[in-house]
Amino acid sequence: MNITAIIQARMGSTRLPGKVLFQLMGKSVLSHVIERLQAVDRINKIVVATTEMPSDDPIVKESNSLGIEVYRGSESDVLSRYYEAAILANADGIVRITSDCPLIDPEVTREVICTFIENRYDYVSNCLQRSFPRGLDTEVFSMGVLKETFVQAKRPEQREHVTPYIYTNAERFRLYNVLSAADYSRHRWTLDTIEDWNLIVEIYKHLYNRKRVFSWHEVIELLERYPDLIEINQHIEQKRVET
């Protein structure tokens, strides 16, 4: 089975423009996301899906420099971007990752993929019911489900956010949610605001030089030792996805 990770990335961001190419310990955020996904042995291929906008040319240049294939498609219809990128990659299963997650965890992503493969679910994620920190979000679904979603999803929010049609039609699809052993959902490790960025920089300063692909457990241990770090972005509210 060809499992392809597709990373959606664009330079435009309402709260933090250009964040995907911010420099973090001498490398771009996108480069860190790719490096961490390359540590997942169940992923056969990685594709960056960006837009046709000239403003996203730097993402193409960065991806090419890292030896990563790029698909360019619609800015607003992200679902079509995923579908066409998956066709390009000849994917059987798709791992959906966003480029604003430089702490994406290989162990967690691997668990979601293995659950999908071994149980023949249509869709598996760790964010239907949140127990992992936000920023470790992994969704895996079959090419068949992506094709059906591409054809059937009509509402703009379904096209923009890719998977709402799947998880709001539970009667049509076999869904499964992976839970962590304890509830860590209060932690926010995604990159949407300058406060998020400040926290992520501190985490990388403490951990990256000792171990390039450090685990989410090591981040938890760090935050338990230095609880003041949590307060850096604790007040930030996540933008809601209307379904």
Foldseek 3Di string as FASTA:
>chain_A
DAEEEEEEDDQDAPAHGRQQQDAFPRGGLQVLVVVQQVVQPVHDAYEYQYAPDPRRVVVVVNCVVVVHHYHHHHHQQVLVSVLVVCVVVVHFKYKYHYSQQSLQHNVQQNVQVCVCVVVVWQKEWAPVPHQDEASNTIMMGGSVVSVVLVVPDDDSLCRRVNPPVPVVPCVVTGYYHDHDPGGPHLAHQGDRHVLNVVLVSVLCVVPCVVPPNDGVVVVVVVCVVVVVSRVSCSPDDDDDRDD
